[in-house]
Amino acid sequence: MTTRILKLWAILTIVAPMASGSHTVFAQDSAEEKQVSLYDRLGGLAPISVVVSDFIDALMPDAVLNANPEIDAARKRVPAPYLKYHVTALVCQATGGPCQYHGRTMKEAHGHLNITEGEWDRMVTIFKEILAKHKVPAKETEELLALVGSTKADIVVSKDDK
């Protein structure tokens, strides 16, 4: 009889937690891990601001982009630190971070620059180079490129290169 009670007790201690839903703790943990924001997976504000800073530093002097007179004029008019601040806030917010972007819409900020497909492609190439330089993992790179790509319709106004 004592052996039966011990076996029953052993079964109950194994089965009872499963019946009560305790077995889902591991599933919840892995679901939470899957829901970690891109912002957190990138390491937060400090790494994002470093990548944005390097990206803007690479964009500003780029001869291909500055061949567009409107882009060149904007580069001379808008100080790099101001641009870095706004782009960092935008990336922080778009990736699920705590920042709030308070700048203009992409269409308002870029519509007058007459950006072409070729200039867009050049910017994306530079962005990929900066992400690779900072060893941003492939999954996060894909997600960042998708975020950037979602703005293309508001930025590119000309299908033909000049």
N, C-alpha and C. Protein backbone atom coordinates (compact mmCIF):
# COMPACT_ATOMS: atom_id res chain seq x y z
N MET A 1 0.82 -1.19 0.00
CA MET A 1 0.00 0.00 0.00
C MET A 1 0.86 1.25 0.00
N THR A 2 1.91 1.29 0.79
CA THR A 2 2.80 2.43 0.84
C THR A 2 3.46 2.66 -0.51
N THR A 3 3.82 1.59 -1.20
CA THR A 3 4.44 1.71 -2.51
C THR A 3 3.46 2.32 -3.49
N ARG A 4 2.18 1.92 -3.41
CA ARG A 4 1.17 2.49 -4.29
C ARG A 4 1.00 3.98 -4.04
N ILE A 5 0.99 4.36 -2.80
CA ILE A 5 0.84 5.77 -2.45
C ILE A 5 2.04 6.57 -2.97
N LEU A 6 3.23 6.03 -2.82
CA LEU A 6 4.42 6.72 -3.33
C LEU A 6 4.37 6.86 -4.84
N LYS A 7 3.93 5.79 -5.54
CA LYS A 7 3.82 5.87 -7.00
C LYS A 7 2.79 6.90 -7.41
N LEU A 8 1.65 6.90 -6.70
CA LEU A 8 0.60 7.88 -6.98
C LEU A 8 1.13 9.29 -6.74
N TRP A 9 1.84 9.48 -5.65
CA TRP A 9 2.42 10.77 -5.32
C TRP A 9 3.40 11.22 -6.42
N ALA A 10 4.23 10.28 -6.88
CA ALA A 10 5.19 10.60 -7.93
C ALA A 10 4.48 11.00 -9.21
N ILE A 11 3.43 10.29 -9.55
CA ILE A 11 2.67 10.62 -10.76
C ILE A 11 2.01 11.98 -10.62
N LEU A 12 1.43 12.22 -9.46
CA LEU A 12 0.77 13.52 -9.24
C LEU A 12 1.76 14.68 -9.28
N THR A 13 2.94 14.50 -8.74
CA THR A 13 3.92 15.59 -8.76
C THR A 13 4.43 15.87 -10.16
N ILE A 14 4.35 14.87 -11.03
CA ILE A 14 4.77 15.08 -12.41
C ILE A 14 3.61 15.62 -13.25
N VAL A 15 2.42 15.03 -13.08
CA VAL A 15 1.27 15.38 -13.91
C VAL A 15 0.58 16.65 -13.45
N ALA A 16 0.47 16.87 -12.16
CA ALA A 16 -0.26 18.03 -11.66
C ALA A 16 0.27 19.36 -12.21
N PRO A 17 1.59 19.59 -12.20
CA PRO A 17 2.06 20.85 -12.77
C PRO A 17 1.69 20.98 -14.26
N MET A 18 1.72 19.88 -14.99
CA MET A 18 1.36 19.93 -16.41
C MET A 18 -0.10 20.29 -16.57
N ALA A 19 -0.94 19.70 -15.74
CA ALA A 19 -2.37 19.98 -15.83
C ALA A 19 -2.69 21.40 -15.44
N SER A 20 -1.89 21.96 -14.54
CA SER A 20 -2.17 23.32 -14.08
C SER A 20 -1.62 24.38 -15.02
N GLY A 21 -0.90 23.98 -16.05
CA GLY A 21 -0.38 24.96 -17.00
C GLY A 21 1.06 25.34 -16.73
N SER A 22 1.66 24.79 -15.69
CA SER A 22 3.04 25.15 -15.37
C SER A 22 4.02 24.74 -16.45
N HIS A 23 3.65 23.73 -17.22
CA HIS A 23 4.55 23.26 -18.28
C HIS A 23 4.73 24.31 -19.37
N THR A 24 3.88 25.32 -19.39
CA THR A 24 3.98 26.34 -20.44
C THR A 24 5.02 27.41 -20.12
N VAL A 25 5.63 27.33 -18.97
CA VAL A 25 6.64 28.32 -18.60
C VAL A 25 7.73 28.38 -19.67
N PHE A 26 8.19 27.23 -20.12
CA PHE A 26 9.25 27.22 -21.13
C PHE A 26 8.74 27.79 -22.45
N ALA A 27 7.52 27.48 -22.82
CA ALA A 27 6.96 28.01 -24.06
C ALA A 27 6.82 29.52 -23.95
N GLN A 28 6.42 30.02 -22.79
CA GLN A 28 6.30 31.46 -22.62
C GLN A 28 7.66 32.12 -22.71
N ASP A 29 8.67 31.51 -22.10
CA ASP A 29 10.01 32.08 -22.16
C ASP A 29 10.48 32.17 -23.60
N SER A 30 10.30 31.11 -24.39
CA SER A 30 10.79 31.16 -25.77
C SER A 30 9.95 32.13 -26.59
N ALA A 31 8.65 32.26 -26.29
CA ALA A 31 7.82 33.25 -27.00
C ALA A 31 8.29 34.66 -26.67
N GLU A 32 8.65 34.88 -25.39
CA GLU A 32 9.15 36.20 -25.00
C GLU A 32 10.47 36.49 -25.69
N GLU A 33 11.33 35.48 -25.79
CA GLU A 33 12.60 35.67 -26.48
C GLU A 33 12.38 36.04 -27.94
N LYS A 34 11.37 35.42 -28.55
CA LYS A 34 11.07 35.72 -29.95
C LYS A 34 10.52 37.12 -30.11
N GLN A 35 9.95 37.67 -29.04
CA GLN A 35 9.34 38.99 -29.11
C GLN A 35 10.26 40.11 -28.64
N VAL A 36 11.52 39.81 -28.44
CA VAL A 36 12.48 40.85 -28.05
C VAL A 36 12.57 41.83 -29.22
N SER A 37 12.46 43.10 -28.93
CA SER A 37 12.44 44.11 -29.98
C SER A 37 13.76 44.16 -30.75
N LEU A 38 13.67 44.63 -31.96
CA LEU A 38 14.86 44.84 -32.76
C LEU A 38 15.79 45.82 -32.06
N TYR A 39 15.23 46.82 -31.43
CA TYR A 39 16.01 47.79 -30.65
C TYR A 39 16.88 47.07 -29.62
N ASP A 40 16.28 46.15 -28.86
CA ASP A 40 17.04 45.42 -27.84
C ASP A 40 18.05 44.48 -28.47
N ARG A 41 17.67 43.83 -29.56
CA ARG A 41 18.61 42.91 -30.22
C ARG A 41 19.80 43.65 -30.83
N LEU A 42 19.61 44.92 -31.15
CA LEU A 42 20.72 45.73 -31.67
C LEU A 42 21.60 46.26 -30.54
N GLY A 43 21.14 46.13 -29.32
CA GLY A 43 21.94 46.56 -28.18
C GLY A 43 21.51 47.86 -27.56
N GLY A 44 20.44 48.46 -28.07
CA GLY A 44 19.93 49.70 -27.49
C GLY A 44 20.45 50.94 -28.17
N LEU A 45 20.29 52.05 -27.49
CA LEU A 45 20.57 53.36 -28.07
C LEU A 45 22.04 53.60 -28.41
N ALA A 46 22.95 53.17 -27.55
CA ALA A 46 24.37 53.45 -27.80
C ALA A 46 24.85 52.83 -29.12
N PRO A 47 24.67 51.53 -29.35
CA PRO A 47 25.13 50.97 -30.62
C PRO A 47 24.38 51.56 -31.83
N ILE A 48 23.09 51.82 -31.66
CA ILE A 48 22.33 52.42 -32.76
C ILE A 48 22.90 53.78 -33.11
N SER A 49 23.20 54.58 -32.11
CA SER A 49 23.73 55.93 -32.38
C SER A 49 25.11 55.87 -33.04
N VAL A 50 25.92 54.89 -32.69
CA VAL A 50 27.24 54.73 -33.32
C VAL A 50 27.09 54.37 -34.79
N VAL A 51 26.21 53.42 -35.08
CA VAL A 51 25.98 53.00 -36.47
C VAL A 51 25.40 54.16 -37.28
N VAL A 52 24.44 54.87 -36.73
CA VAL A 52 23.86 56.02 -37.44
C VAL A 52 24.93 57.08 -37.68
N SER A 53 25.75 57.35 -36.70
CA SER A 53 26.81 58.34 -36.86
C SER A 53 27.76 57.96 -37.99
N ASP A 54 28.18 56.71 -38.01
CA ASP A 54 29.07 56.25 -39.08
C ASP A 54 28.37 56.30 -40.44
N PHE A 55 27.09 55.97 -40.47
CA PHE A 55 26.31 55.99 -41.70
C PHE A 55 26.23 57.42 -42.26
N ILE A 56 25.89 58.36 -41.41
CA ILE A 56 25.80 59.76 -41.86
C ILE A 56 27.18 60.26 -42.29
N ASP A 57 28.21 59.89 -41.55
CA ASP A 57 29.58 60.28 -41.93
C ASP A 57 29.96 59.73 -43.31
N ALA A 58 29.45 58.56 -43.66
CA ALA A 58 29.73 57.98 -44.98
C ALA A 58 28.86 58.61 -46.06
N LEU A 59 27.64 58.99 -45.72
CA LEU A 59 26.75 59.60 -46.71
C LEU A 59 27.15 61.02 -47.09
N MET A 60 27.52 61.81 -46.10
CA MET A 60 27.75 63.25 -46.33
C MET A 60 28.74 63.55 -47.45
N PRO A 61 29.86 62.90 -47.52
CA PRO A 61 30.82 63.25 -48.58
C PRO A 61 30.67 62.42 -49.86
N ASP A 62 29.68 61.54 -49.93
CA ASP A 62 29.59 60.62 -51.06
C ASP A 62 29.39 61.36 -52.38
N ALA A 63 30.32 61.16 -53.31
CA ALA A 63 30.31 61.86 -54.59
C ALA A 63 29.09 61.49 -55.44
N VAL A 64 28.68 60.23 -55.40
CA VAL A 64 27.51 59.81 -56.19
C VAL A 64 26.27 60.56 -55.73
N LEU A 65 26.05 60.60 -54.43
CA LEU A 65 24.87 61.29 -53.90
C LEU A 65 24.97 62.80 -54.08
N ASN A 66 26.14 63.35 -53.86
CA ASN A 66 26.31 64.79 -53.96
C ASN A 66 26.35 65.30 -55.40
N ALA A 67 26.36 64.39 -56.37
CA ALA A 67 26.23 64.81 -57.77
C ALA A 67 24.83 65.37 -58.03
N ASN A 68 23.87 64.98 -57.19
CA ASN A 68 22.52 65.54 -57.25
C ASN A 68 22.61 66.92 -56.58
N PRO A 69 22.36 68.01 -57.33
CA PRO A 69 22.52 69.35 -56.74
C PRO A 69 21.63 69.61 -55.54
N GLU A 70 20.44 69.01 -55.52
CA GLU A 70 19.54 69.21 -54.38
C GLU A 70 20.08 68.53 -53.13
N ILE A 71 20.63 67.33 -53.28
CA ILE A 71 21.23 66.63 -52.14
C ILE A 71 22.45 67.41 -51.66
N ASP A 72 23.29 67.83 -52.58
CA ASP A 72 24.49 68.58 -52.23
C ASP A 72 24.13 69.85 -51.44
N ALA A 73 23.12 70.57 -51.90
CA ALA A 73 22.69 71.79 -51.21
C ALA A 73 22.17 71.47 -49.81
N ALA A 74 21.42 70.38 -49.70
CA ALA A 74 20.89 69.99 -48.39
C ALA A 74 22.01 69.62 -47.43
N ARG A 75 23.05 68.96 -47.94
CA ARG A 75 24.20 68.59 -47.11
C ARG A 75 24.87 69.83 -46.53
N LYS A 76 24.91 70.87 -47.32
CA LYS A 76 25.55 72.11 -46.87
C LYS A 76 24.66 72.89 -45.91
N ARG A 77 23.36 72.68 -46.01
CA ARG A 77 22.39 73.42 -45.21
C ARG A 77 22.11 72.74 -43.86
N VAL A 78 22.12 71.41 -43.84
CA VAL A 78 21.74 70.66 -42.63
C VAL A 78 23.00 70.12 -41.96
N PRO A 79 23.31 70.56 -40.77
CA PRO A 79 24.51 70.07 -40.07
C PRO A 79 24.42 68.57 -39.76
N ALA A 80 25.52 67.88 -39.92
CA ALA A 80 25.57 66.44 -39.68
C ALA A 80 25.08 66.07 -38.28
N PRO A 81 25.48 66.77 -37.21
CA PRO A 81 25.00 66.38 -35.87
C PRO A 81 23.47 66.44 -35.75
N TYR A 82 22.85 67.41 -36.40
CA TYR A 82 21.40 67.53 -36.38
C TYR A 82 20.77 66.33 -37.09
N LEU A 83 21.31 65.97 -38.23
CA LEU A 83 20.82 64.82 -38.99
C LEU A 83 21.01 63.53 -38.19
N LYS A 84 22.17 63.39 -37.56
CA LYS A 84 22.44 62.19 -36.75
C LYS A 84 21.44 62.06 -35.61
N TYR A 85 21.12 63.18 -34.98
CA TYR A 85 20.15 63.18 -33.89
C TYR A 85 18.80 62.66 -34.36
N HIS A 86 18.31 63.22 -35.46
CA HIS A 86 16.99 62.83 -35.97
C HIS A 86 16.97 61.39 -36.48
N VAL A 87 18.00 60.98 -37.19
CA VAL A 87 18.03 59.61 -37.72
C VAL A 87 18.15 58.61 -36.57
N THR A 88 18.94 58.93 -35.56
CA THR A 88 19.04 58.05 -34.39
C THR A 88 17.69 57.91 -33.70
N ALA A 89 16.99 59.01 -33.50
CA ALA A 89 15.66 58.96 -32.87
C ALA A 89 14.69 58.15 -33.73
N LEU A 90 14.76 58.32 -35.04
CA LEU A 90 13.88 57.60 -35.94
C LEU A 90 14.15 56.09 -35.89
N VAL A 91 15.42 55.71 -35.95
CA VAL A 91 15.77 54.28 -35.91
C VAL A 91 15.41 53.70 -34.55
N CYS A 92 15.69 54.43 -33.49
CA CYS A 92 15.35 53.98 -32.14
C CYS A 92 13.85 53.70 -32.04
N GLN A 93 13.03 54.63 -32.48
CA GLN A 93 11.58 54.46 -32.41
C GLN A 93 11.11 53.33 -33.32
N ALA A 94 11.60 53.30 -34.56
CA ALA A 94 11.15 52.31 -35.54
C ALA A 94 11.52 50.89 -35.16
N THR A 95 12.56 50.73 -34.35
CA THR A 95 13.00 49.39 -33.95
C THR A 95 12.39 48.95 -32.61
N GLY A 96 11.52 49.78 -32.06
CA GLY A 96 10.84 49.41 -30.82
C GLY A 96 11.46 49.99 -29.56
N GLY A 97 12.34 50.96 -29.73
CA GLY A 97 12.98 51.59 -28.58
C GLY A 97 12.14 52.70 -27.98
N PRO A 98 12.65 53.32 -26.92
CA PRO A 98 11.88 54.32 -26.18
C PRO A 98 11.90 55.72 -26.79
N CYS A 99 12.68 55.95 -27.81
CA CYS A 99 12.82 57.29 -28.39
C CYS A 99 11.56 57.70 -29.14
N GLN A 100 11.40 58.99 -29.28
CA GLN A 100 10.31 59.56 -30.06
C GLN A 100 10.90 60.43 -31.15
N TYR A 101 10.60 60.10 -32.40
CA TYR A 101 11.05 60.91 -33.54
C TYR A 101 10.09 62.07 -33.70
N HIS A 102 10.63 63.29 -33.75
CA HIS A 102 9.80 64.48 -33.87
C HIS A 102 10.11 65.27 -35.13
N GLY A 103 10.77 64.63 -36.08
CA GLY A 103 11.12 65.32 -37.32
C GLY A 103 9.99 65.26 -38.34
N ARG A 104 10.33 65.71 -39.52
CA ARG A 104 9.36 65.72 -40.62
C ARG A 104 9.14 64.30 -41.14
N THR A 105 8.08 64.13 -41.91
CA THR A 105 7.85 62.84 -42.55
C THR A 105 8.94 62.63 -43.60
N MET A 106 9.10 61.39 -44.04
CA MET A 106 10.12 61.11 -45.05
C MET A 106 9.82 61.87 -46.35
N LYS A 107 8.56 61.97 -46.69
CA LYS A 107 8.17 62.70 -47.91
C LYS A 107 8.50 64.19 -47.77
N GLU A 108 8.19 64.77 -46.62
CA GLU A 108 8.50 66.19 -46.40
C GLU A 108 10.00 66.45 -46.39
N ALA A 109 10.74 65.53 -45.80
CA ALA A 109 12.19 65.73 -45.65
C ALA A 109 12.96 65.47 -46.94
N HIS A 110 12.42 64.63 -47.83
CA HIS A 110 13.19 64.21 -49.00
C HIS A 110 12.55 64.55 -50.35
N GLY A 111 11.26 64.87 -50.36
CA GLY A 111 10.54 65.08 -51.61
C GLY A 111 11.18 66.10 -52.54
N HIS A 112 11.71 67.15 -51.99
CA HIS A 112 12.30 68.24 -52.79
C HIS A 112 13.72 67.90 -53.30
N LEU A 113 14.26 66.76 -52.87
CA LEU A 113 15.63 66.41 -53.25
C LEU A 113 15.72 65.67 -54.58
N ASN A 114 14.58 65.31 -55.14
CA ASN A 114 14.54 64.61 -56.43
C ASN A 114 15.46 63.39 -56.45
N ILE A 115 15.33 62.57 -55.45
CA ILE A 115 16.18 61.38 -55.31
C ILE A 115 15.75 60.32 -56.33
N THR A 116 16.74 59.76 -57.00
CA THR A 116 16.50 58.75 -58.04
C THR A 116 16.68 57.35 -57.48
N GLU A 117 16.27 56.37 -58.27
CA GLU A 117 16.49 54.96 -57.92
C GLU A 117 17.97 54.69 -57.69
N GLY A 118 18.81 55.22 -58.58
CA GLY A 118 20.26 55.01 -58.46
C GLY A 118 20.83 55.59 -57.18
N GLU A 119 20.34 56.76 -56.81
CA GLU A 119 20.81 57.39 -55.56
C GLU A 119 20.30 56.61 -54.35
N TRP A 120 19.08 56.12 -54.44
CA TRP A 120 18.55 55.25 -53.37
C TRP A 120 19.41 54.01 -53.22
N ASP A 121 19.71 53.37 -54.35
CA ASP A 121 20.53 52.16 -54.33
C ASP A 121 21.90 52.43 -53.73
N ARG A 122 22.47 53.59 -54.02
CA ARG A 122 23.77 53.96 -53.46
C ARG A 122 23.67 54.10 -51.94
N MET A 123 22.61 54.74 -51.47
CA MET A 123 22.41 54.89 -50.02
C MET A 123 22.28 53.52 -49.36
N VAL A 124 21.52 52.62 -49.97
CA VAL A 124 21.35 51.28 -49.40
C VAL A 124 22.68 50.54 -49.37
N THR A 125 23.48 50.69 -50.41
CA THR A 125 24.81 50.06 -50.45
C THR A 125 25.68 50.57 -49.30
N ILE A 126 25.67 51.86 -49.08
CA ILE A 126 26.46 52.44 -47.98
C ILE A 126 25.93 51.93 -46.64
N PHE A 127 24.62 51.87 -46.50
CA PHE A 127 24.02 51.38 -45.26
C PHE A 127 24.45 49.94 -44.98
N LYS A 128 24.40 49.10 -46.00
CA LYS A 128 24.83 47.70 -45.84
C LYS A 128 26.30 47.62 -45.44
N GLU A 129 27.13 48.46 -46.04
CA GLU A 129 28.56 48.47 -45.69
C GLU A 129 28.77 48.85 -44.23
N ILE A 130 28.03 49.82 -43.75
CA ILE A 130 28.15 50.25 -42.35
C ILE A 130 27.66 49.14 -41.42
N LEU A 131 26.55 48.51 -41.76
CA LEU A 131 26.05 47.41 -40.93
C LEU A 131 27.07 46.26 -40.89
N ALA A 132 27.68 45.95 -42.03
CA ALA A 132 28.69 44.89 -42.07
C ALA A 132 29.92 45.29 -41.25
N LYS A 133 30.33 46.55 -41.36
CA LYS A 133 31.48 47.04 -40.58
C LYS A 133 31.25 46.83 -39.08
N HIS A 134 30.03 47.03 -38.65
CA HIS A 134 29.69 46.89 -37.23
C HIS A 134 29.21 45.48 -36.87
N LYS A 135 29.33 44.57 -37.83
CA LYS A 135 28.98 43.17 -37.61
C LYS A 135 27.55 42.97 -37.09
N VAL A 136 26.62 43.72 -37.67
CA VAL A 136 25.22 43.55 -37.33
C VAL A 136 24.79 42.19 -37.90
N PRO A 137 24.20 41.32 -37.08
CA PRO A 137 23.81 39.98 -37.55
C PRO A 137 22.85 40.04 -38.74
N ALA A 138 22.84 38.97 -39.51
CA ALA A 138 22.05 38.91 -40.75
C ALA A 138 20.57 39.17 -40.51
N LYS A 139 19.99 38.55 -39.48
CA LYS A 139 18.56 38.73 -39.22
C LYS A 139 18.23 40.19 -38.93
N GLU A 140 19.04 40.83 -38.11
CA GLU A 140 18.80 42.22 -37.75
C GLU A 140 19.06 43.14 -38.96
N THR A 141 20.06 42.78 -39.77
CA THR A 141 20.33 43.54 -40.99
C THR A 141 19.12 43.49 -41.92
N GLU A 142 18.56 42.30 -42.09
CA GLU A 142 17.37 42.15 -42.94
C GLU A 142 16.22 43.01 -42.43
N GLU A 143 16.02 42.99 -41.12
CA GLU A 143 14.92 43.78 -40.54
C GLU A 143 15.16 45.28 -40.71
N LEU A 144 16.40 45.71 -40.53
CA LEU A 144 16.72 47.13 -40.73
C LEU A 144 16.52 47.53 -42.20
N LEU A 145 16.95 46.67 -43.10
CA LEU A 145 16.78 46.96 -44.53
C LEU A 145 15.30 47.00 -44.90
N ALA A 146 14.49 46.17 -44.27
CA ALA A 146 13.05 46.20 -44.52
C ALA A 146 12.44 47.51 -44.01
N LEU A 147 12.90 47.96 -42.85
CA LEU A 147 12.42 49.25 -42.33
C LEU A 147 12.80 50.39 -43.27
N VAL A 148 14.04 50.39 -43.70
CA VAL A 148 14.50 51.42 -44.63
C VAL A 148 13.70 51.32 -45.93
N GLY A 149 13.54 50.11 -46.42
CA GLY A 149 12.80 49.90 -47.66
C GLY A 149 11.37 50.39 -47.60
N SER A 150 10.78 50.35 -46.42
CA SER A 150 9.39 50.81 -46.27
C SER A 150 9.25 52.31 -46.49
N THR A 151 10.35 53.04 -46.50
CA THR A 151 10.31 54.49 -46.70
C THR A 151 10.58 54.89 -48.16
N LYS A 152 10.95 53.93 -48.97
CA LYS A 152 11.40 54.22 -50.34
C LYS A 152 10.36 55.01 -51.15
N ALA A 153 9.11 54.61 -51.09
CA ALA A 153 8.07 55.28 -51.87
C ALA A 153 7.94 56.77 -51.52
N ASP A 154 8.27 57.12 -50.29
CA ASP A 154 8.20 58.53 -49.88
C ASP A 154 9.48 59.31 -50.18
N ILE A 155 10.54 58.62 -50.53
CA ILE A 155 11.84 59.27 -50.73
C ILE A 155 12.22 59.34 -52.21
N VAL A 156 12.05 58.25 -52.94
CA VAL A 156 12.44 58.23 -54.35
C VAL A 156 11.33 58.86 -55.17
N VAL A 157 11.68 59.91 -55.91
CA VAL A 157 10.67 60.60 -56.71
C VAL A 157 10.88 60.39 -58.21
N SER A 158 12.05 59.89 -58.56
CA SER A 158 12.36 59.73 -59.97
C SER A 158 12.86 58.31 -60.23
N LYS A 159 12.23 57.63 -61.17
CA LYS A 159 12.65 56.27 -61.51
C LYS A 159 13.91 56.30 -62.37
N ASP A 160 14.14 57.36 -63.07
CA ASP A 160 15.29 57.44 -63.98
C ASP A 160 16.43 58.19 -63.33
N ASP A 161 17.67 57.70 -63.57
CA ASP A 161 18.82 58.44 -63.11
C ASP A 161 18.97 59.68 -63.96
N LYS A 162 19.52 60.71 -63.36
CA LYS A 162 19.72 61.99 -64.07
C LYS A 162 20.87 61.89 -65.02
